[in-house]
């Protein structure tokens, strides 16, 4: 009986922490939706969930996932070209500075 009481007391003391984590997640999701301008009513949320559970919603989600992956690859490729050009320009400038400094030292 004492063990049972101890278990109940322990459960009552730890339960708020478990629910606090869920409440924290819910609050963060609510804030994220608010920041993104997604002030959907509960009926709208139910409709959105129903859509994404449907076959067409599943296809939409998959297409969006593929499109985001392709966009990320495209962006990284374009970014790599830009970074490479900037790096080459920086190296050229450093070489010019080193060459100018070497000339100055040779004159002295």
Protein backbone atom coordinates (compact mmCIF):
# COMPACT_ATOMS: atom_id res chain seq x y z
CA UNK A 1 0.00 0.00 0.00
CA UNK A 2 2.85 2.37 0.80
CA UNK A 3 4.46 1.64 -2.55
CA UNK A 4 1.17 2.40 -4.32
CA UNK A 5 0.83 5.74 -2.47
CA UNK A 6 4.43 6.58 -3.28
CA UNK A 7 3.82 5.79 -6.96
CA UNK A 8 0.68 7.97 -7.04
CA UNK A 9 2.49 10.85 -5.35
CA UNK A 10 5.42 10.47 -7.74
CA UNK A 11 3.05 10.44 -10.70
CA UNK A 12 1.26 13.55 -9.46
CA UNK A 13 4.54 15.36 -8.95
CA UNK A 14 5.98 14.47 -12.37
CA UNK A 15 2.83 14.76 -14.49
CA UNK A 16 3.00 18.56 -14.81
CA UNK A 17 6.48 18.28 -16.34
CA UNK A 18 5.28 15.86 -19.01
CA UNK A 19 2.30 18.04 -19.84
CA UNK A 20 4.40 21.20 -19.61
CA UNK A 21 6.52 19.90 -22.48
CA UNK A 22 3.41 19.36 -24.62
CA UNK A 23 2.02 22.75 -23.58
CA UNK A 24 5.34 24.36 -24.47
CA UNK A 25 5.29 22.71 -27.90
CA UNK A 26 1.69 23.78 -28.47
CA UNK A 27 2.52 27.36 -27.48
CA UNK A 28 5.50 27.42 -29.83
CA UNK A 29 3.43 26.02 -32.71
CA UNK A 30 0.74 28.60 -32.02
CA UNK A 31 3.32 31.41 -32.04
CA UNK A 32 4.88 30.08 -35.26
CA UNK A 33 1.47 30.03 -36.94
CA UNK A 34 0.79 33.57 -35.72
CA UNK A 35 4.14 34.87 -36.98
CA UNK A 36 3.50 33.31 -40.38
CA UNK A 37 0.03 34.84 -40.53
CA UNK A 38 -1.76 31.51 -40.26
CA UNK A 39 -4.62 32.51 -37.94
CA UNK A 40 -6.80 29.51 -38.96
CA UNK A 41 -9.96 28.68 -37.08
CA UNK A 42 -10.41 25.19 -35.74
CA UNK A 43 -12.74 24.39 -38.64
CA UNK A 44 -10.09 25.60 -41.09
CA UNK A 45 -7.44 23.51 -39.34
CA UNK A 46 -9.71 20.46 -39.58
CA UNK A 47 -10.15 21.14 -43.30
CA UNK A 48 -6.39 21.50 -43.81
CA UNK A 49 -5.73 18.26 -41.95
CA UNK A 50 -8.41 16.49 -43.99
CA UNK A 51 -6.82 17.80 -47.18
CA UNK A 52 -3.33 16.57 -46.28
CA UNK A 53 -4.74 13.18 -45.28
CA UNK A 54 -6.42 12.83 -48.69
CA UNK A 55 -4.61 11.28 -51.68
CA UNK A 56 -4.33 14.67 -53.43
CA UNK A 57 -3.03 16.24 -50.22
CA UNK A 58 -0.41 13.51 -49.94
CA UNK A 59 0.63 14.15 -53.55
CA UNK A 60 0.82 17.89 -52.84
CA UNK A 61 3.00 17.32 -49.78
CA UNK A 62 5.32 15.01 -51.72
CA UNK A 63 5.55 17.45 -54.64
CA UNK A 64 6.34 20.30 -52.26
CA UNK A 65 9.04 18.21 -50.59
CA UNK A 66 10.65 17.39 -53.96
CA UNK A 67 10.38 21.01 -55.12
CA UNK A 68 12.05 22.25 -51.92
CA UNK A 69 14.88 19.75 -52.35
CA UNK A 70 15.39 20.81 -55.97
CA UNK A 71 15.27 24.49 -55.00
CA UNK A 72 17.87 23.90 -52.28
CA UNK A 73 20.17 22.15 -54.76
CA UNK A 74 19.70 24.96 -57.32
CA UNK A 75 20.37 27.60 -54.67
CA UNK A 76 23.51 25.84 -53.42
CA UNK A 77 24.86 25.47 -56.96
CA UNK A 78 24.30 29.16 -57.72
CA UNK A 79 25.75 30.10 -54.35
CA UNK A 80 28.84 27.97 -54.97
CA UNK A 81 29.47 29.78 -58.27
CA UNK A 82 29.16 33.15 -56.54
CA UNK A 83 31.42 32.12 -53.65
CA UNK A 84 34.00 30.71 -56.07
CA UNK A 85 34.10 33.98 -58.06
CA UNK A 86 34.38 36.04 -54.87
CA UNK A 87 37.14 33.78 -53.57
CA UNK A 88 39.12 34.08 -56.79
CA UNK A 89 38.75 37.88 -56.72
CA UNK A 90 39.90 37.93 -53.09
CA UNK A 91 42.92 35.77 -53.88
CA UNK A 92 43.82 38.05 -56.81
CA UNK A 93 43.62 41.09 -54.56
CA UNK A 94 45.79 39.41 -51.93
CA UNK A 95 48.38 38.50 -54.56
CA UNK A 96 48.42 42.11 -55.80
CA UNK A 97 48.92 43.37 -52.24
CA UNK A 98 51.72 40.86 -51.61
CA UNK A 99 53.39 41.80 -54.89
CA UNK A 100 53.16 45.53 -54.07
CA UNK A 101 54.59 44.94 -50.59
CA UNK A 102 57.43 42.86 -52.04
CA UNK A 103 58.29 45.70 -54.43
CA UNK A 104 58.32 48.19 -51.54
CA UNK A 105 60.71 46.01 -49.55
CA UNK A 106 63.03 45.48 -52.52
CA UNK A 107 63.31 49.28 -53.00
CA UNK A 108 64.51 49.79 -49.44
